[in-house]
Amino acid sequence: MNNCQIQVTMFADDTVLLAESEEELKWNVEKLHEAMKKHKLSNTTVFGSVPPECNIEIDGEKVTNVKEAVYLGVKLSEDGKMGGEMERRIGMTMQTVGAMKKVYESREISREAKVTVFESVTIPTLTYECEVWVLTEREKSRLQATEIRMLRKIAGVSRLDHVRNETVRERLRLEPVLKKVERRRKCWKENVETRKRSVVAKVLAGKGVGKRPEGSLGRDGEILSEY
């Protein structure tokens, strides 16, 4: 990226180390651990996208190597795909719907009230962190199917009633979930682009971050303070 080599990314108390080889990764981990020990900090490190044969130890304890991990409420996969997170979101959403079953199926609660609960509780659970989603057609279909299933429950309409999905949505006057996702993605992108000095904005624009020149990795510990 413009001859810039990023080795460390940080957010709050989390650190992500990037390397092109097992040797570089081990060196980065050792330097990070040394710096943390100086400040009397402890760490729990989980690696993804690391070859199975890659063995890294910290104070004699082997670092866990996993293919998936939940970070800031989102399930990350080593292949970068959203399938695992999408299924997790759908599962959590259906648990929410199950917990609110008496509300959605009650004849004493108005349809408007049910829609309000749906928009304020269920949709946020389903679309959490959707601003960074990259969905395949299959995942979009799963998302739509989950949404329609919930809308039919709110409207009190089953498949046996032979009512089209579009008709159910029109009755409830709700925006399709995929449009919600697209709108939020667009809003997030525009918000980031207004922050000219933001690292994310620079990455989206294809600009390098940092001052490290092109070439092999150094061994002087600069990566711990440079970024």
C-alpha atoms as a PDB file:
ATOM      1  CA  MET A   1       0.000   0.000   0.000  1.00  0.00           C
ATOM      2  CA  ASN A   2       2.101   2.899  -1.350  1.00  0.00           C
ATOM      3  CA  ASN A   3       5.259   1.066  -0.196  1.00  0.00           C
ATOM      4  CA  CYS A   4       3.977   1.114   3.381  1.00  0.00           C
ATOM      5  CA  GLN A   5       4.272  -2.044   5.463  1.00  0.00           C
ATOM      6  CA  ILE A   6       1.863  -2.225   8.403  1.00  0.00           C
ATOM      7  CA  GLN A   7       3.005  -4.590  11.143  1.00  0.00           C
ATOM      8  CA  VAL A   8       0.846  -3.569  14.103  1.00  0.00           C
ATOM      9  CA  THR A   9      -2.734  -2.316  14.347  1.00  0.00           C
ATOM     10  CA  MET A  10      -4.263  -1.281  17.651  1.00  0.00           C
ATOM     11  CA  PHE A  11      -7.698  -0.538  19.030  1.00  0.00           C
ATOM     12  CA  ALA A  12      -8.373   0.150  22.723  1.00  0.00           C
ATOM     13  CA  ASP A  13      -6.596  -2.671  24.590  1.00  0.00           C
ATOM     14  CA  ASP A  14      -6.382  -4.998  21.574  1.00  0.00           C
ATOM     15  CA  THR A  15      -3.332  -5.427  19.350  1.00  0.00           C
ATOM     16  CA  VAL A  16      -3.137  -7.208  15.986  1.00  0.00           C
ATOM     17  CA  LEU A  17       0.276  -8.291  14.742  1.00  0.00           C
ATOM     18  CA  LEU A  18       0.857  -8.726  11.012  1.00  0.00           C
ATOM     19  CA  ALA A  19       3.724 -10.693   9.475  1.00  0.00           C
ATOM     20  CA  GLU A  20       4.654 -12.464   6.249  1.00  0.00           C
ATOM     21  CA  SER A  21       6.506 -15.376   7.824  1.00  0.00           C
ATOM     22  CA  GLU A  22       6.636 -17.447  11.001  1.00  0.00           C
ATOM     23  CA  GLU A  23       9.991 -15.892  11.905  1.00  0.00           C
ATOM     24  CA  GLU A  24       8.646 -12.346  11.654  1.00  0.00           C
ATOM     25  CA  LEU A  25       5.541 -13.245  13.639  1.00  0.00           C
ATOM     26  CA  LYS A  26       7.554 -14.822  16.447  1.00  0.00           C
ATOM     27  CA  TRP A  27       9.836 -11.783  16.602  1.00  0.00           C
ATOM     28  CA  ASN A  28       6.871  -9.388  16.731  1.00  0.00           C
ATOM     29  CA  VAL A  29       5.227 -11.411  19.512  1.00  0.00           C
ATOM     30  CA  GLU A  30       8.433 -11.486  21.556  1.00  0.00           C
ATOM     31  CA  LYS A  31       8.953  -7.724  21.239  1.00  0.00           C
ATOM     32  CA  LEU A  32       5.329  -7.013  22.135  1.00  0.00           C
ATOM     33  CA  HIS A  33       5.529  -9.308  25.164  1.00  0.00           C
ATOM     34  CA  GLU A  34       8.745  -7.637  26.349  1.00  0.00           C
ATOM     35  CA  ALA A  35       7.137  -4.203  26.095  1.00  0.00           C
ATOM     36  CA  MET A  36       4.048  -5.381  27.987  1.00  0.00           C
ATOM     37  CA  LYS A  37       6.144  -6.891  30.782  1.00  0.00           C
ATOM     38  CA  LYS A  38       7.905  -3.545  31.277  1.00  0.00           C
ATOM     39  CA  HIS A  39       4.533  -1.947  31.977  1.00  0.00           C
ATOM     40  CA  LYS A  40       3.357  -4.953  34.045  1.00  0.00           C
ATOM     41  CA  LEU A  41       0.595  -5.835  31.570  1.00  0.00           C
ATOM     42  CA  SER A  42      -0.775  -9.316  30.971  1.00  0.00           C
ATOM     43  CA  ASN A  43      -2.011 -10.612  27.654  1.00  0.00           C
ATOM     44  CA  THR A  44      -4.128 -13.326  26.090  1.00  0.00           C
ATOM     45  CA  THR A  45      -3.167 -13.822  22.452  1.00  0.00           C
ATOM     46  CA  VAL A  46      -5.183 -15.682  19.824  1.00  0.00           C
ATOM     47  CA  PHE A  47      -3.935 -15.998  16.279  1.00  0.00           C
ATOM     48  CA  GLY A  48      -5.863 -16.598  13.068  1.00  0.00           C
ATOM     49  CA  SER A  49      -4.512 -17.168   9.562  1.00  0.00           C
ATOM     50  CA  VAL A  50      -1.447 -18.889  10.998  1.00  0.00           C
ATOM     51  CA  PRO A  51      -0.139 -22.203   9.584  1.00  0.00           C
ATOM     52  CA  PRO A  52      -0.966 -25.160  11.897  1.00  0.00           C
ATOM     53  CA  GLU A  53       2.721 -26.012  12.208  1.00  0.00           C
ATOM     54  CA  CYS A  54       3.541 -22.524  13.483  1.00  0.00           C
ATOM     55  CA  ASN A  55       4.476 -22.860  17.161  1.00  0.00           C
ATOM     56  CA  ILE A  56       4.794 -19.667  19.206  1.00  0.00           C
ATOM     57  CA  GLU A  57       5.396 -19.667  22.945  1.00  0.00           C
ATOM     58  CA  ILE A  58       5.258 -16.919  25.576  1.00  0.00           C
ATOM     59  CA  ASP A  59       7.054 -17.721  28.823  1.00  0.00           C
ATOM     60  CA  GLY A  60       6.885 -21.410  27.976  1.00  0.00           C
ATOM     61  CA  GLU A  61       3.148 -21.378  27.204  1.00  0.00           C
ATOM     62  CA  LYS A  62       2.020 -22.080  23.642  1.00  0.00           C
ATOM     63  CA  VAL A  63      -0.090 -19.390  22.013  1.00  0.00           C
ATOM     64  CA  THR A  64      -3.534 -20.609  20.924  1.00  0.00           C
ATOM     65  CA  ASN A  65      -4.047 -20.829  17.168  1.00  0.00           C
ATOM     66  CA  VAL A  66      -7.709 -20.588  16.065  1.00  0.00           C
ATOM     67  CA  LYS A  67      -9.544 -20.207  12.761  1.00  0.00           C
ATOM     68  CA  GLU A  68     -12.386 -18.123  14.203  1.00  0.00           C
ATOM     69  CA  ALA A  69     -12.667 -15.655  17.058  1.00  0.00           C
ATOM     70  CA  VAL A  70     -15.272 -13.207  18.378  1.00  0.00           C
ATOM     71  CA  TYR A  71     -13.852  -9.684  18.516  1.00  0.00           C
ATOM     72  CA  LEU A  72     -15.877  -6.660  19.679  1.00  0.00           C
ATOM     73  CA  GLY A  73     -19.072  -8.678  19.278  1.00  0.00           C
ATOM     74  CA  VAL A  74     -18.285  -9.863  15.742  1.00  0.00           C
ATOM     75  CA  LYS A  75     -17.166 -13.339  14.699  1.00  0.00           C
ATOM     76  CA  LEU A  76     -14.025 -13.080  12.576  1.00  0.00           C
ATOM     77  CA  SER A  77     -12.830 -15.849  10.270  1.00  0.00           C
ATOM     78  CA  GLU A  78      -9.338 -16.434   8.953  1.00  0.00           C
ATOM     79  CA  ASP A  79     -10.650 -16.515   5.366  1.00  0.00           C
ATOM     80  CA  GLY A  80     -12.318 -13.099   5.814  1.00  0.00           C
ATOM     81  CA  LYS A  81     -15.792 -14.411   4.911  1.00  0.00           C
ATOM     82  CA  MET A  82     -18.963 -13.375   6.737  1.00  0.00           C
ATOM     83  CA  GLY A  83     -20.766 -16.734   6.680  1.00  0.00           C
ATOM     84  CA  GLY A  84     -19.947 -17.644  10.279  1.00  0.00           C
ATOM     85  CA  GLU A  85     -20.895 -14.208  11.610  1.00  0.00           C
ATOM     86  CA  MET A  86     -24.116 -14.173   9.577  1.00  0.00           C
ATOM     87  CA  GLU A  87     -25.253 -17.520  10.978  1.00  0.00           C
ATOM     88  CA  ARG A  88     -24.330 -16.317  14.464  1.00  0.00           C
ATOM     89  CA  ARG A  89     -26.346 -13.115  14.004  1.00  0.00           C
ATOM     90  CA  ILE A  90     -29.357 -15.037  12.734  1.00  0.00           C
ATOM     91  CA  GLY A  91     -29.151 -17.458  15.660  1.00  0.00           C
ATOM     92  CA  MET A  92     -28.970 -14.628  18.193  1.00  0.00           C
ATOM     93  CA  THR A  93     -31.853 -12.852  16.469  1.00  0.00           C
ATOM     94  CA  MET A  94     -34.099 -15.911  16.588  1.00  0.00           C
ATOM     95  CA  GLN A  95     -33.286 -16.287  20.292  1.00  0.00           C
ATOM     96  CA  THR A  96     -34.444 -12.698  20.757  1.00  0.00           C
ATOM     97  CA  VAL A  97     -37.639 -13.430  18.834  1.00  0.00           C
ATOM     98  CA  GLY A  98     -38.216 -16.516  20.964  1.00  0.00           C
ATOM     99  CA  ALA A  99     -37.793 -14.483  24.137  1.00  0.00           C
ATOM    100  CA  MET A 100     -40.372 -11.981  22.813  1.00  0.00           C
ATOM    101  CA  LYS A 101     -42.762 -14.683  21.577  1.00  0.00           C
ATOM    102  CA  LYS A 102     -45.594 -13.656  23.898  1.00  0.00           C
ATOM    103  CA  VAL A 103     -45.338 -10.092  22.629  1.00  0.00           C
ATOM    104  CA  TYR A 104     -45.328 -10.965  18.934  1.00  0.00           C
ATOM    105  CA  GLU A 105     -48.142 -13.509  19.199  1.00  0.00           C
ATOM    106  CA  SER A 106     -50.340 -11.564  21.605  1.00  0.00           C
ATOM    107  CA  ARG A 107     -53.731 -10.421  20.283  1.00  0.00           C
ATOM    108  CA  GLU A 108     -53.926  -7.761  22.951  1.00  0.00           C
ATOM    109  CA  ILE A 109     -50.844  -5.887  21.734  1.00  0.00           C
ATOM    110  CA  SER A 110     -51.294  -3.684  18.676  1.00  0.00           C
ATOM    111  CA  ARG A 111     -49.418  -4.331  15.446  1.00  0.00           C
ATOM    112  CA  GLU A 112     -47.813  -0.891  15.743  1.00  0.00           C
ATOM    113  CA  ALA A 113     -46.391  -1.793  19.165  1.00  0.00           C
ATOM    114  CA  LYS A 114     -45.024  -5.070  17.830  1.00  0.00           C
ATOM    115  CA  VAL A 115     -43.340  -3.239  14.948  1.00  0.00           C
ATOM    116  CA  THR A 116     -41.771  -0.819  17.431  1.00  0.00           C
ATOM    117  CA  VAL A 117     -40.337  -3.724  19.446  1.00  0.00           C
ATOM    118  CA  PHE A 118     -39.125  -5.356  16.225  1.00  0.00           C
ATOM    119  CA  GLU A 119     -37.344  -2.184  15.060  1.00  0.00           C
ATOM    120  CA  SER A 120     -35.795  -1.359  18.452  1.00  0.00           C
ATOM    121  CA  VAL A 121     -34.787  -4.839  19.643  1.00  0.00           C
ATOM    122  CA  THR A 122     -34.754  -7.446  16.885  1.00  0.00           C
ATOM    123  CA  ILE A 123     -33.319  -5.489  13.945  1.00  0.00           C
ATOM    124  CA  PRO A 124     -30.345  -4.090  15.944  1.00  0.00           C
ATOM    125  CA  THR A 125     -29.478  -7.651  16.979  1.00  0.00           C
ATOM    126  CA  LEU A 126     -29.635  -8.899  13.394  1.00  0.00           C
ATOM    127  CA  THR A 127     -27.706  -6.013  11.829  1.00  0.00           C
ATOM    128  CA  TYR A 128     -25.071  -5.373  14.501  1.00  0.00           C
ATOM    129  CA  GLU A 129     -21.877  -4.027  12.841  1.00  0.00           C
ATOM    130  CA  CYS A 130     -23.481  -4.403   9.387  1.00  0.00           C
ATOM    131  CA  GLU A 131     -21.530  -1.325   8.257  1.00  0.00           C
ATOM    132  CA  VAL A 132     -18.534  -3.570   7.555  1.00  0.00           C
ATOM    133  CA  TRP A 133     -20.385  -6.534   6.085  1.00  0.00           C
ATOM    134  CA  VAL A 134     -19.423  -7.962   2.706  1.00  0.00           C
ATOM    135  CA  LEU A 135     -22.267 -10.304   1.801  1.00  0.00           C
ATOM    136  CA  THR A 136     -22.583 -13.017  -0.831  1.00  0.00           C
ATOM    137  CA  GLU A 137     -25.897 -13.628  -2.600  1.00  0.00           C
ATOM    138  CA  ARG A 138     -26.492 -16.665  -0.394  1.00  0.00           C
ATOM    139  CA  GLU A 139     -25.988 -14.614   2.757  1.00  0.00           C
ATOM    140  CA  LYS A 140     -28.325 -11.915   1.459  1.00  0.00           C
ATOM    141  CA  SER A 141     -30.982 -14.574   0.836  1.00  0.00           C
ATOM    142  CA  ARG A 142     -30.527 -15.947   4.369  1.00  0.00           C
ATOM    143  CA  LEU A 143     -30.916 -12.444   5.770  1.00  0.00           C
ATOM    144  CA  GLN A 144     -34.108 -11.815   3.775  1.00  0.00           C
ATOM    145  CA  ALA A 145     -35.577 -15.197   4.693  1.00  0.00           C
ATOM    146  CA  THR A 146     -34.958 -14.536   8.396  1.00  0.00           C
ATOM    147  CA  GLU A 147     -36.553 -11.103   8.134  1.00  0.00           C
ATOM    148  CA  ILE A 148     -39.683 -12.394   6.359  1.00  0.00           C
ATOM    149  CA  ARG A 149     -40.051 -15.190   8.890  1.00  0.00           C
ATOM    150  CA  MET A 150     -40.162 -12.614  11.678  1.00  0.00           C
ATOM    151  CA  LEU A 151     -42.468 -10.246   9.789  1.00  0.00           C
ATOM    152  CA  ARG A 152     -45.005 -13.020   9.218  1.00  0.00           C
ATOM    153  CA  LYS A 153     -44.990 -13.749  12.940  1.00  0.00           C
ATOM    154  CA  ILE A 154     -45.707 -10.076  13.703  1.00  0.00           C
ATOM    155  CA  ALA A 155     -48.438  -9.860  11.051  1.00  0.00           C
ATOM    156  CA  GLY A 156     -49.998 -13.137  12.175  1.00  0.00           C
ATOM    157  CA  VAL A 157     -49.686 -14.586   8.677  1.00  0.00           C
ATOM    158  CA  SER A 158     -48.507 -18.109   7.876  1.00  0.00           C
ATOM    159  CA  ARG A 159     -47.499 -19.721   4.579  1.00  0.00           C
ATOM    160  CA  LEU A 160     -50.869 -21.468   4.509  1.00  0.00           C
ATOM    161  CA  ASP A 161     -52.563 -18.067   4.144  1.00  0.00           C
ATOM    162  CA  HIS A 162     -50.948 -17.666   0.692  1.00  0.00           C
ATOM    163  CA  VAL A 163     -50.015 -14.031   1.300  1.00  0.00           C
ATOM    164  CA  ARG A 164     -47.004 -12.732  -0.637  1.00  0.00           C
ATOM    165  CA  ASN A 165     -43.947 -11.503   1.237  1.00  0.00           C
ATOM    166  CA  GLU A 166     -44.254  -8.061  -0.365  1.00  0.00           C
ATOM    167  CA  THR A 167     -47.834  -7.791   0.871  1.00  0.00           C
ATOM    168  CA  VAL A 168     -46.785  -8.654   4.434  1.00  0.00           C
ATOM    169  CA  ARG A 169     -44.087  -5.988   4.322  1.00  0.00           C
ATOM    170  CA  GLU A 170     -46.499  -3.379   2.937  1.00  0.00           C
ATOM    171  CA  ARG A 171     -48.973  -4.079   5.725  1.00  0.00           C
ATOM    172  CA  LEU A 172     -46.295  -3.447   8.326  1.00  0.00           C
ATOM    173  CA  ARG A 173     -44.797  -0.487   6.437  1.00  0.00           C
ATOM    174  CA  LEU A 174     -41.243  -1.602   7.044  1.00  0.00           C
ATOM    175  CA  GLU A 175     -38.089  -0.955   5.031  1.00  0.00           C
ATOM    176  CA  PRO A 176     -36.407  -4.172   3.767  1.00  0.00           C
ATOM    177  CA  VAL A 177     -33.497  -5.233   5.961  1.00  0.00           C
ATOM    178  CA  LEU A 178     -31.069  -5.244   3.012  1.00  0.00           C
ATOM    179  CA  LYS A 179     -31.907  -1.596   2.326  1.00  0.00           C
ATOM    180  CA  LYS A 180     -31.285  -0.817   5.994  1.00  0.00           C
ATOM    181  CA  VAL A 181     -27.890  -2.492   5.759  1.00  0.00           C
ATOM    182  CA  GLU A 182     -26.963  -0.660   2.553  1.00  0.00           C
ATOM    183  CA  ARG A 183     -28.047   2.691   3.978  1.00  0.00           C
ATOM    184  CA  ARG A 184     -26.007   2.189   7.134  1.00  0.00           C
ATOM    185  CA  ARG A 185     -22.964   1.085   5.128  1.00  0.00           C
ATOM    186  CA  LYS A 186     -23.203   4.188   2.970  1.00  0.00           C
ATOM    187  CA  CYS A 187     -23.650   6.446   6.003  1.00  0.00           C
ATOM    188  CA  TRP A 188     -20.620   4.898   7.730  1.00  0.00           C
ATOM    189  CA  LYS A 189     -18.466   5.298   4.612  1.00  0.00           C
ATOM    190  CA  GLU A 190     -19.451   8.957   4.223  1.00  0.00           C
ATOM    191  CA  ASN A 191     -18.781   9.589   7.912  1.00  0.00           C
ATOM    192  CA  VAL A 192     -15.311   8.046   7.692  1.00  0.00           C
ATOM    193  CA  GLU A 193     -14.442   9.962   4.523  1.00  0.00           C
ATOM    194  CA  THR A 194     -15.139  13.274   6.278  1.00  0.00           C
ATOM    195  CA  ARG A 195     -12.375  12.491   8.765  1.00  0.00           C
ATOM    196  CA  LYS A 196      -9.427  13.276   6.517  1.00  0.00           C
ATOM    197  CA  ARG A 197      -6.817  12.339   9.123  1.00  0.00           C
ATOM    198  CA  SER A 198      -8.474   9.059  10.054  1.00  0.00           C
ATOM    199  CA  VAL A 199      -6.438   5.873   9.463  1.00  0.00           C
ATOM    200  CA  VAL A 200      -9.573   4.153   8.134  1.00  0.00           C
ATOM    201  CA  ALA A 201     -10.180   7.006   5.675  1.00  0.00           C
ATOM    202  CA  LYS A 202      -6.602   6.704   4.395  1.00  0.00           C
ATOM    203  CA  VAL A 203      -6.954   2.932   3.988  1.00  0.00           C
ATOM    204  CA  LEU A 204     -10.239   3.344   2.076  1.00  0.00           C
ATOM    205  CA  ALA A 205      -8.491   5.837  -0.199  1.00  0.00           C
ATOM    206  CA  GLY A 206      -5.603   3.430  -0.756  1.00  0.00           C
ATOM    207  CA  LYS A 207      -3.084   5.634   1.045  1.00  0.00           C
ATOM    208  CA  GLY A 208      -0.261   4.325   3.193  1.00  0.00           C
ATOM    209  CA  VAL A 209      -0.165   4.831   6.945  1.00  0.00           C
ATOM    210  CA  GLY A 210       3.144   5.318   8.769  1.00  0.00           C
ATOM    211  CA  LYS A 211       6.667   6.104   7.676  1.00  0.00           C
ATOM    212  CA  ARG A 212       8.271   2.690   7.231  1.00  0.00           C
ATOM    213  CA  PRO A 213      10.059   2.451   3.839  1.00  0.00           C
ATOM    214  CA  GLU A 214       9.779  -0.480   1.481  1.00  0.00           C
ATOM    215  CA  GLY A 215      12.175  -3.347   2.276  1.00  0.00           C
ATOM    216  CA  SER A 216      12.839  -6.067   4.823  1.00  0.00           C
ATOM    217  CA  LEU A 217      11.675  -5.813   8.406  1.00  0.00           C
ATOM    218  CA  GLY A 218      13.935  -4.126  10.895  1.00  0.00           C
ATOM    219  CA  ARG A 219      14.998  -5.724  14.164  1.00  0.00           C
ATOM    220  CA  ASP A 220      15.398  -2.639  16.339  1.00  0.00           C
ATOM    221  CA  GLY A 221      12.005  -2.672  18.059  1.00  0.00           C
ATOM    222  CA  GLU A 222      10.729   0.404  16.195  1.00  0.00           C
ATOM    223  CA  ILE A 223       7.412  -1.220  15.337  1.00  0.00           C
ATOM    224  CA  LEU A 224       6.361  -1.003  18.969  1.00  0.00           C
ATOM    225  CA  SER A 225       6.417   2.787  18.956  1.00  0.00           C
ATOM    226  CA  GLU A 226       6.145   3.763  15.304  1.00  0.00           C
ATOM    227  CA  TYR A 227       2.448   3.028  14.934  1.00  0.00           C
END
